[in-house]
Amino acid sequence: MNNKFEIDQLEEYLQGTSSPELTRQIQSELIKNEALRVELESLKLSTEAIKLAGWRAEIQKVQESYLHERKSIKAETKQVNLGLWLGRIAASLLFLLVGAATLMVITISPESFLESKTVSYSVPLTRGETDISDLENEYRNGNHERVLELVDKTLDPTTEMSFLAAMSALELKEGAQAEQLLKSIETANQSVGANLYQDEVDYYLVKANILTKDYAEVQERIQKILNDPNHTYSRNVSRLDQWKVKILNLKN
């Protein structure tokens, strides 16, 4: 995996707008880093696929024309122009490549992204059953609307209560409500120098902001998680997720 350059820097390099220093760094790294070469090619493919998605009809016309021309070639023809056939083979490969890339762009959606992030929060079973609160019990039983109702009636909810409410909001696909609750926890942590549920806040804000389509915020959270190898959810997100989010943003 490439951990030296961010997606935006690689985009600048592909667009020819990166600084001379950054360009030299990337080119130097490309010589020895196969993972970076693969990542750069994948990013280039994703970008081109988005551009080409709007031209599928034109591509189909060209392909049909090519297939028609191919059928019209008479069997008795003995002289074959090697350059022409190589060009036709290259054209066929291009059609396949465009088709695969276009399919990737078309199939990416907020729903498919969320389905790939299947980690749902479970209340830790570290206490006896008699110590489980009514709120925790409602959450464990999947009564998410009831969880939100109980927290809403509480004058001064604890961090744990707010977090369970945020998780229930996510289960109900209420992204804005989940975001508000999670960020309230983050703000409370910052005000007292605490770190309660912070890793969980980072990860579940990714899901909440996918629901609200705040893709810039999603990118920032994913990058924050990737930058911290000790983050609880560092294995649950990847650079590929950042590419997917970038595509979602362009399709939005």
Protein backbone atom coordinates (compact mmCIF):
# COMPACT_ATOMS: atom_id res chain seq x y z
CA MET A 1 0.00 0.00 0.00
CA ASN A 2 1.18 3.53 -0.76
CA ASN A 3 1.42 5.58 2.43
CA LYS A 4 3.62 8.39 1.11
CA PHE A 5 1.26 10.32 -1.13
CA GLU A 6 -2.38 11.31 -0.69
CA ILE A 7 -5.04 10.91 -3.36
CA ASP A 8 -5.11 14.65 -4.10
CA GLN A 9 -1.35 14.68 -4.69
CA LEU A 10 -1.58 11.77 -7.11
CA GLU A 11 -4.43 13.51 -8.92
CA GLU A 12 -2.34 16.64 -9.30
CA TYR A 13 0.47 14.52 -10.74
CA LEU A 14 -1.84 12.88 -13.29
CA GLN A 15 -3.26 16.28 -14.27
CA GLY A 16 0.23 17.78 -14.64
CA THR A 17 -0.44 20.42 -11.99
CA SER A 18 1.83 19.10 -9.23
CA SER A 19 4.78 21.15 -8.07
CA PRO A 20 8.23 20.30 -9.53
CA GLU A 21 9.32 18.94 -6.16
CA LEU A 22 6.26 16.71 -5.77
CA THR A 23 6.63 15.53 -9.36
CA ARG A 24 10.24 14.52 -8.73
CA GLN A 25 9.27 12.70 -5.53
CA ILE A 26 6.50 10.72 -7.22
CA GLN A 27 8.60 9.85 -10.26
CA SER A 28 11.45 8.71 -8.05
CA GLU A 29 9.10 6.57 -5.97
CA LEU A 30 7.44 5.07 -9.06
CA ILE A 31 10.76 3.54 -10.12
CA LYS A 32 10.99 1.37 -7.01
CA ASN A 33 7.44 1.16 -5.66
CA GLU A 34 5.19 -1.27 -7.54
CA ALA A 35 2.26 -0.59 -5.18
CA LEU A 36 2.39 3.09 -6.08
CA ARG A 37 2.46 2.26 -9.80
CA VAL A 38 -0.63 0.08 -9.41
CA GLU A 39 -2.40 2.73 -7.35
CA LEU A 40 -1.59 5.46 -9.86
CA GLU A 41 -2.87 3.35 -12.76
CA SER A 42 -6.04 2.52 -10.82
CA LEU A 43 -6.67 6.16 -10.07
CA LYS A 44 -6.10 7.05 -13.71
CA LEU A 45 -8.52 4.33 -14.77
CA SER A 46 -11.18 5.51 -12.33
CA THR A 47 -10.87 9.10 -13.53
CA GLU A 48 -11.02 8.11 -17.17
CA ALA A 49 -13.96 5.82 -16.53
CA ILE A 50 -15.98 8.68 -15.10
CA LYS A 51 -15.20 10.81 -18.14
CA LEU A 52 -15.99 7.98 -20.50
CA ALA A 53 -19.23 6.97 -18.79
CA GLY A 54 -21.05 9.76 -20.58
CA TRP A 55 -19.75 8.53 -23.92
CA ARG A 56 -20.98 4.96 -23.72
CA ALA A 57 -23.49 5.48 -26.54
CA GLU A 58 -20.80 6.83 -28.85
CA ILE A 59 -18.47 3.97 -27.94
CA GLN A 60 -21.23 1.48 -28.71
CA LYS A 61 -21.74 3.02 -32.16
CA VAL A 62 -18.03 2.77 -32.93
CA GLN A 63 -17.96 -0.81 -31.71
CA GLU A 64 -20.96 -1.76 -33.87
CA SER A 65 -19.32 -0.13 -36.86
CA TYR A 66 -16.13 -2.07 -36.24
CA LEU A 67 -17.97 -5.39 -35.89
CA HIS A 68 -19.89 -4.71 -39.11
CA GLU A 69 -16.64 -3.96 -40.94
CA ARG A 70 -15.09 -7.12 -39.57
CA LYS A 71 -17.95 -9.29 -40.89
CA SER A 72 -17.64 -7.72 -44.32
CA ILE A 73 -14.10 -8.95 -44.80
CA LYS A 74 -14.21 -11.71 -47.40
CA ALA A 75 -12.84 -15.11 -46.51
CA GLU A 76 -10.74 -15.32 -49.67
CA THR A 77 -8.68 -12.28 -48.78
CA LYS A 78 -5.12 -13.45 -48.34
CA GLN A 79 -3.31 -10.17 -47.88
CA VAL A 80 -3.76 -8.84 -44.37
CA ASN A 81 -2.34 -5.59 -43.19
CA LEU A 82 -0.64 -6.44 -39.89
CA GLY A 83 -0.81 -2.87 -38.65
CA LEU A 84 -4.55 -2.72 -39.33
CA TRP A 85 -5.23 -5.92 -37.40
CA LEU A 86 -3.08 -4.83 -34.49
CA GLY A 87 -5.09 -1.63 -34.39
CA ARG A 88 -8.32 -3.63 -34.36
CA ILE A 89 -7.07 -5.84 -31.55
CA ALA A 90 -6.08 -2.75 -29.56
CA ALA A 91 -9.53 -1.28 -30.21
CA SER A 92 -11.18 -4.45 -28.89
CA LEU A 93 -9.06 -4.36 -25.75
CA LEU A 94 -9.94 -0.71 -25.29
CA PHE A 95 -13.64 -1.53 -25.50
CA LEU A 96 -13.23 -4.20 -22.85
CA LEU A 97 -11.27 -1.85 -20.62
CA VAL A 98 -13.77 0.96 -20.99
CA GLY A 99 -16.62 -1.44 -20.34
CA ALA A 100 -15.05 -2.76 -17.14
CA ALA A 101 -14.18 0.72 -15.90
CA THR A 102 -17.62 2.05 -16.75
CA LEU A 103 -19.26 -0.86 -14.94
CA MET A 104 -17.18 -0.06 -11.87
CA VAL A 105 -18.33 3.56 -11.93
CA ILE A 106 -21.97 2.64 -12.50
CA THR A 107 -22.15 0.08 -9.71
CA ILE A 108 -20.65 2.30 -7.01
CA SER A 109 -23.38 3.90 -4.91
CA PRO A 110 -23.80 5.10 -1.32
CA GLU A 111 -25.76 1.92 -0.61
CA SER A 112 -23.06 -0.40 -1.97
CA PHE A 113 -20.39 1.53 -0.08
CA LEU A 114 -22.30 1.17 3.20
CA GLU A 115 -22.87 -2.53 2.56
CA SER A 116 -19.11 -2.98 2.34
CA LYS A 117 -18.78 -1.41 5.79
CA THR A 118 -20.64 -4.10 7.72
CA VAL A 119 -19.13 -3.42 11.13
CA SER A 120 -22.12 -2.61 13.34
CA TYR A 121 -21.62 -1.64 16.96
CA SER A 122 -22.40 -4.22 19.65
CA VAL A 123 -22.72 -3.41 23.33
CA PRO A 124 -19.74 -5.04 25.11
CA LEU A 125 -20.76 -7.93 27.36
CA THR A 126 -18.35 -7.06 30.17
CA ARG A 127 -20.93 -6.81 32.93
CA GLY A 128 -23.55 -9.10 34.42
CA GLU A 129 -26.96 -9.24 32.78
CA THR A 130 -28.51 -7.50 35.80
CA ASP A 131 -26.25 -4.50 35.22
CA ILE A 132 -27.45 -3.92 31.63
CA SER A 133 -29.38 -0.65 31.47
CA ASP A 134 -32.77 -0.32 29.85
CA LEU A 135 -31.14 1.70 27.06
CA GLU A 136 -28.54 -0.96 26.36
CA ASN A 137 -31.20 -3.64 26.44
CA GLU A 138 -33.34 -1.76 23.93
CA TYR A 139 -30.31 -1.34 21.67
CA ARG A 140 -29.33 -5.00 21.87
CA ASN A 141 -32.89 -5.97 20.99
CA GLY A 142 -32.84 -3.74 17.92
CA ASN A 143 -35.41 -1.27 19.24
CA HIS A 144 -33.58 1.71 17.77
CA GLU A 145 -36.48 4.14 17.68
CA ARG A 146 -37.01 3.46 21.38
CA VAL A 147 -33.32 4.15 22.06
CA LEU A 148 -33.59 7.55 20.39
CA GLU A 149 -36.76 8.30 22.31
CA LEU A 150 -35.17 7.47 25.68
CA VAL A 151 -32.06 9.56 25.01
CA ASP A 152 -34.14 12.46 23.74
CA LYS A 153 -36.06 12.49 27.06
CA THR A 154 -32.85 12.55 29.10
CA LEU A 155 -31.82 16.04 30.22
CA ASP A 156 -28.10 15.34 30.43
CA PRO A 157 -27.27 12.13 28.55
CA THR A 158 -23.92 10.46 29.18
CA THR A 159 -21.38 9.90 26.45
CA GLU A 160 -22.40 6.25 26.28
CA MET A 161 -26.06 7.18 25.89
CA SER A 162 -25.29 9.65 23.09
CA PHE A 163 -23.15 7.05 21.36
CA LEU A 164 -25.85 4.37 21.49
CA ALA A 165 -28.32 6.93 20.15
CA ALA A 166 -25.94 7.68 17.27
CA MET A 167 -25.62 3.97 16.49
CA SER A 168 -29.40 3.61 16.51
CA ALA A 169 -29.71 6.59 14.16
CA LEU A 170 -27.27 4.88 11.78
CA GLU A 171 -29.26 1.65 11.91
CA LEU A 172 -32.32 3.70 10.93
CA LYS A 173 -30.35 5.41 8.10
CA GLU A 174 -30.73 8.78 9.80
CA GLY A 175 -27.34 10.14 8.78
CA ALA A 176 -27.80 13.76 9.87
CA GLN A 177 -28.97 12.76 13.34
CA ALA A 178 -26.12 10.28 13.72
CA GLU A 179 -23.60 12.92 12.63
CA GLN A 180 -24.95 15.43 15.15
CA LEU A 181 -24.72 12.95 18.01
CA LEU A 182 -21.25 11.73 17.09
CA LYS A 183 -19.87 15.23 16.71
CA SER A 184 -21.35 16.20 20.08
CA ILE A 185 -19.24 13.42 21.60
CA GLU A 186 -16.17 14.66 19.75
CA THR A 187 -16.77 18.23 20.94
CA ALA A 188 -17.24 17.06 24.53
CA ASN A 189 -13.99 15.08 24.33
CA GLN A 190 -12.10 18.10 23.03
CA SER A 191 -13.45 20.36 25.76
CA VAL A 192 -12.13 18.13 28.58
CA GLY A 193 -9.16 16.51 26.85
CA ALA A 194 -10.82 13.08 26.83
CA ASN A 195 -10.85 10.38 24.16
CA LEU A 196 -14.08 8.50 24.86
CA TYR A 197 -15.34 6.56 21.83
CA GLN A 198 -13.13 8.71 19.58
CA ASP A 199 -12.04 5.89 17.28
CA GLU A 200 -15.66 4.82 16.99
CA VAL A 201 -16.68 8.42 16.29
CA ASP A 202 -14.19 8.62 13.40
CA TYR A 203 -15.32 5.37 11.82
CA TYR A 204 -19.05 5.80 12.18
CA LEU A 205 -18.89 9.40 10.96
CA VAL A 206 -17.69 7.90 7.68
CA LYS A 207 -20.96 5.99 7.47
CA ALA A 208 -23.05 8.93 8.68
CA ASN A 209 -21.53 11.29 6.12
CA ILE A 210 -22.01 8.80 3.31
CA LEU A 211 -25.71 8.96 4.16
CA THR A 212 -25.65 12.77 4.14
CA LYS A 213 -23.43 12.78 1.02
CA ASP A 214 -20.85 14.99 2.70
CA TYR A 215 -18.04 13.32 0.78
CA ALA A 216 -15.36 15.86 1.69
CA GLU A 217 -15.91 15.00 5.35
CA VAL A 218 -15.78 11.29 4.52
CA GLN A 219 -12.41 11.74 2.83
CA GLU A 220 -11.02 13.60 5.84
CA ARG A 221 -12.17 10.92 8.28
CA ILE A 222 -10.79 8.07 6.19
CA GLN A 223 -7.46 9.89 5.86
CA LYS A 224 -7.37 10.47 9.62
CA ILE A 225 -7.90 6.76 10.26
CA LEU A 226 -5.29 5.73 7.67
CA ASN A 227 -2.74 8.13 9.17
CA ASP A 228 -2.98 6.37 12.55
CA PRO A 229 -1.74 2.75 12.40
CA ASN A 230 -2.96 2.28 15.99
CA HIS A 231 -6.50 3.37 15.16
CA THR A 232 -9.05 0.71 16.11
CA TYR A 233 -10.54 0.82 12.61
CA SER A 234 -7.35 1.20 10.55
CA ARG A 235 -8.01 -2.19 8.92
CA ASN A 236 -11.60 -1.32 8.08
CA VAL A 237 -10.83 1.45 5.60
CA SER A 238 -8.40 1.71 2.69
CA ARG A 239 -7.19 3.91 -0.14
CA LEU A 240 -9.65 2.06 -2.36
CA ASP A 241 -12.43 3.49 -0.21
CA GLN A 242 -11.09 6.97 -0.93
CA TRP A 243 -11.29 6.29 -4.67
CA LYS A 244 -14.86 5.07 -4.28
CA VAL A 245 -15.79 8.20 -2.35
CA LYS A 246 -14.20 10.39 -5.01
CA ILE A 247 -16.30 8.65 -7.66
CA LEU A 248 -19.43 9.09 -5.53
CA ASN A 249 -18.65 12.79 -5.22
CA LEU A 250 -18.24 13.16 -8.99
CA LYS A 251 -21.50 11.30 -9.57
CA ASN A 252 -23.36 13.36 -6.97
